Amino acid sequence: MVDWDRVAQLRSEIGEADFEEVVTLFLAEVAEVAEKLRSAPDPATLDADLHFLKGTVLNLGMHELGRLCEEGTQCAARGEPVDIAGLLACYDESRRILLEGLGRSG
């Protein structure tokens, strides 16, 4: 679920000193949108929310979640239902794996 090569590339691109701060910022931004989708998804902004998530999670190496976000943006753009529950389950698992792999909790 996590592309560790991408995580290593991100670490290399931004430097070791700023890596933790950037990951924390990215995860906070993703958590904010995920919580919005979990509690009160807005059909008017769903496409934009999923597009934002896709870009951020791909930077963090969460390719499966990025793929689901892309599928969701396509469905939302066509006015079709989006599997938000499945997307959020993938988010929860991807986040857990990423944090565990980085030696962090919660």
C-alpha atoms as a PDB file:
ATOM      1  CA  MET A   1       0.000   0.000   0.000  1.00  0.00           C
ATOM      2  CA  VAL A   2       2.960   2.321   0.484  1.00  0.00           C
ATOM      3  CA  ASP A   3       5.632   2.825  -2.147  1.00  0.00           C
ATOM      4  CA  TRP A   4       8.716   3.071   0.045  1.00  0.00           C
ATOM      5  CA  ASP A   5      10.828   4.137  -2.932  1.00  0.00           C
ATOM      6  CA  ARG A   6       8.606   7.217  -3.253  1.00  0.00           C
ATOM      7  CA  VAL A   7       8.950   7.902   0.475  1.00  0.00           C
ATOM      8  CA  ALA A   8      12.741   7.670   0.134  1.00  0.00           C
ATOM      9  CA  GLN A   9      12.611   9.973  -2.897  1.00  0.00           C
ATOM     10  CA  LEU A  10      10.555  12.528  -0.944  1.00  0.00           C
ATOM     11  CA  ARG A  11      13.059  12.343   1.904  1.00  0.00           C
ATOM     12  CA  SER A  12      15.884  12.923  -0.555  1.00  0.00           C
ATOM     13  CA  GLU A  13      14.088  15.794  -2.324  1.00  0.00           C
ATOM     14  CA  ILE A  14      13.315  17.795   0.812  1.00  0.00           C
ATOM     15  CA  GLY A  15      16.187  16.693   3.010  1.00  0.00           C
ATOM     16  CA  GLU A  16      16.325  14.764   6.223  1.00  0.00           C
ATOM     17  CA  ALA A  17      15.977  17.877   8.384  1.00  0.00           C
ATOM     18  CA  ASP A  18      12.586  18.859   6.918  1.00  0.00           C
ATOM     19  CA  PHE A  19      11.220  15.399   6.130  1.00  0.00           C
ATOM     20  CA  GLU A  20       9.376  14.810   9.419  1.00  0.00           C
ATOM     21  CA  GLU A  21       7.797  18.262   9.318  1.00  0.00           C
ATOM     22  CA  VAL A  22       6.607  17.812   5.723  1.00  0.00           C
ATOM     23  CA  VAL A  23       5.190  14.337   6.404  1.00  0.00           C
ATOM     24  CA  THR A  24       3.385  15.683   9.470  1.00  0.00           C
ATOM     25  CA  LEU A  25       1.961  18.566   7.432  1.00  0.00           C
ATOM     26  CA  PHE A  26       0.873  16.286   4.562  1.00  0.00           C
ATOM     27  CA  LEU A  27      -0.752  13.826   6.974  1.00  0.00           C
ATOM     28  CA  ALA A  28      -2.590  16.637   8.772  1.00  0.00           C
ATOM     29  CA  GLU A  29      -3.945  17.960   5.468  1.00  0.00           C
ATOM     30  CA  VAL A  30      -5.030  14.483   4.385  1.00  0.00           C
ATOM     31  CA  ALA A  31      -6.637  13.808   7.789  1.00  0.00           C
ATOM     32  CA  GLU A  32      -8.641  17.025   7.510  1.00  0.00           C
ATOM     33  CA  VAL A  33     -10.112  16.064   4.142  1.00  0.00           C
ATOM     34  CA  ALA A  34     -10.612  12.443   5.231  1.00  0.00           C
ATOM     35  CA  GLU A  35     -12.549  13.617   8.272  1.00  0.00           C
ATOM     36  CA  LYS A  36     -14.710  15.820   6.043  1.00  0.00           C
ATOM     37  CA  LEU A  37     -15.421  12.805   3.815  1.00  0.00           C
ATOM     38  CA  ARG A  38     -16.104  10.648   6.867  1.00  0.00           C
ATOM     39  CA  SER A  39     -18.497  13.040   8.601  1.00  0.00           C
ATOM     40  CA  ALA A  40     -20.092  15.249   5.953  1.00  0.00           C
ATOM     41  CA  PRO A  41     -19.030  14.680   2.348  1.00  0.00           C
ATOM     42  CA  ASP A  42     -20.118  17.559   0.142  1.00  0.00           C
ATOM     43  CA  PRO A  43     -21.173  16.456  -3.361  1.00  0.00           C
ATOM     44  CA  ALA A  44     -20.378  19.968  -4.635  1.00  0.00           C
ATOM     45  CA  THR A  45     -16.707  19.680  -3.628  1.00  0.00           C
ATOM     46  CA  LEU A  46     -16.179  15.918  -3.756  1.00  0.00           C
ATOM     47  CA  ASP A  47     -14.279  15.996  -7.050  1.00  0.00           C
ATOM     48  CA  ALA A  48     -11.939  18.741  -5.773  1.00  0.00           C
ATOM     49  CA  ASP A  49     -11.506  17.046  -2.386  1.00  0.00           C
ATOM     50  CA  LEU A  50     -10.532  13.756  -4.025  1.00  0.00           C
ATOM     51  CA  HIS A  51      -8.203  15.504  -6.477  1.00  0.00           C
ATOM     52  CA  PHE A  52      -6.443  17.226  -3.570  1.00  0.00           C
ATOM     53  CA  LEU A  53      -6.162  13.940  -1.677  1.00  0.00           C
ATOM     54  CA  LYS A  54      -4.763  12.174  -4.715  1.00  0.00           C
ATOM     55  CA  GLY A  55      -1.921  14.640  -5.133  1.00  0.00           C
ATOM     56  CA  THR A  56      -0.997  14.641  -1.476  1.00  0.00           C
ATOM     57  CA  VAL A  57      -1.156  10.889  -0.910  1.00  0.00           C
ATOM     58  CA  LEU A  58       0.859  10.165  -4.042  1.00  0.00           C
ATOM     59  CA  ASN A  59       3.598  12.405  -2.635  1.00  0.00           C
ATOM     60  CA  LEU A  60       3.536  10.193   0.467  1.00  0.00           C
ATOM     61  CA  GLY A  61       3.814   7.010  -1.601  1.00  0.00           C
ATOM     62  CA  MET A  62       0.230   5.875  -0.961  1.00  0.00           C
ATOM     63  CA  HIS A  63      -0.343   4.636  -4.495  1.00  0.00           C
ATOM     64  CA  GLU A  64      -3.372   2.423  -3.865  1.00  0.00           C
ATOM     65  CA  LEU A  65      -5.139   5.295  -2.124  1.00  0.00           C
ATOM     66  CA  GLY A  66      -4.127   7.622  -4.959  1.00  0.00           C
ATOM     67  CA  ARG A  67      -5.638   5.189  -7.457  1.00  0.00           C
ATOM     68  CA  LEU A  68      -8.897   5.094  -5.499  1.00  0.00           C
ATOM     69  CA  CYS A  69      -8.951   8.894  -5.347  1.00  0.00           C
ATOM     70  CA  GLU A  70      -8.488   9.045  -9.125  1.00  0.00           C
ATOM     71  CA  GLU A  71     -11.351   6.594  -9.639  1.00  0.00           C
ATOM     72  CA  GLY A  72     -13.443   8.662  -7.246  1.00  0.00           C
ATOM     73  CA  THR A  73     -12.741  11.914  -9.088  1.00  0.00           C
ATOM     74  CA  GLN A  74     -13.808  10.283 -12.334  1.00  0.00           C
ATOM     75  CA  CYS A  75     -17.022   8.959 -10.781  1.00  0.00           C
ATOM     76  CA  ALA A  76     -17.781  12.302  -9.118  1.00  0.00           C
ATOM     77  CA  ALA A  77     -17.210  14.166 -12.378  1.00  0.00           C
ATOM     78  CA  ARG A  78     -19.744  11.869 -14.073  1.00  0.00           C
ATOM     79  CA  GLY A  79     -22.215  12.244 -11.206  1.00  0.00           C
ATOM     80  CA  GLU A  80     -21.805   8.600 -10.227  1.00  0.00           C
ATOM     81  CA  PRO A  81     -21.554   7.324  -6.644  1.00  0.00           C
ATOM     82  CA  VAL A  82     -18.108   7.263  -5.047  1.00  0.00           C
ATOM     83  CA  ASP A  83     -17.105   4.461  -2.675  1.00  0.00           C
ATOM     84  CA  ILE A  84     -16.161   6.805   0.142  1.00  0.00           C
ATOM     85  CA  ALA A  85     -16.206   4.013   2.748  1.00  0.00           C
ATOM     86  CA  GLY A  86     -13.739   1.949   0.717  1.00  0.00           C
ATOM     87  CA  LEU A  87     -11.559   4.969   0.108  1.00  0.00           C
ATOM     88  CA  LEU A  88     -11.499   5.822   3.818  1.00  0.00           C
ATOM     89  CA  ALA A  89     -10.690   2.216   4.770  1.00  0.00           C
ATOM     90  CA  CYS A  90      -7.736   2.349   2.379  1.00  0.00           C
ATOM     91  CA  TYR A  91      -6.713   5.698   3.880  1.00  0.00           C
ATOM     92  CA  ASP A  92      -6.803   4.309   7.415  1.00  0.00           C
ATOM     93  CA  GLU A  93      -4.709   1.283   6.460  1.00  0.00           C
ATOM     94  CA  SER A  94      -2.258   3.260   4.311  1.00  0.00           C
ATOM     95  CA  ARG A  95      -1.747   5.798   7.089  1.00  0.00           C
ATOM     96  CA  ARG A  96      -1.163   3.034   9.626  1.00  0.00           C
ATOM     97  CA  ILE A  97       1.398   1.315   7.384  1.00  0.00           C
ATOM     98  CA  LEU A  98       3.190   4.589   6.602  1.00  0.00           C
ATOM     99  CA  LEU A  99       3.429   5.641  10.242  1.00  0.00           C
ATOM    100  CA  GLU A 100       4.510   2.181  11.315  1.00  0.00           C
ATOM    101  CA  GLY A 101       7.169   2.106   8.600  1.00  0.00           C
ATOM    102  CA  LEU A 102       8.440   5.524   9.669  1.00  0.00           C
ATOM    103  CA  GLY A 103       8.603   4.353  13.279  1.00  0.00           C
ATOM    104  CA  ARG A 104       5.844   6.702  14.399  1.00  0.00           C
ATOM    105  CA  SER A 105       2.556   6.116  16.155  1.00  0.00           C
ATOM    106  CA  GLY A 106      -0.890   7.640  15.575  1.00  0.00           C
END
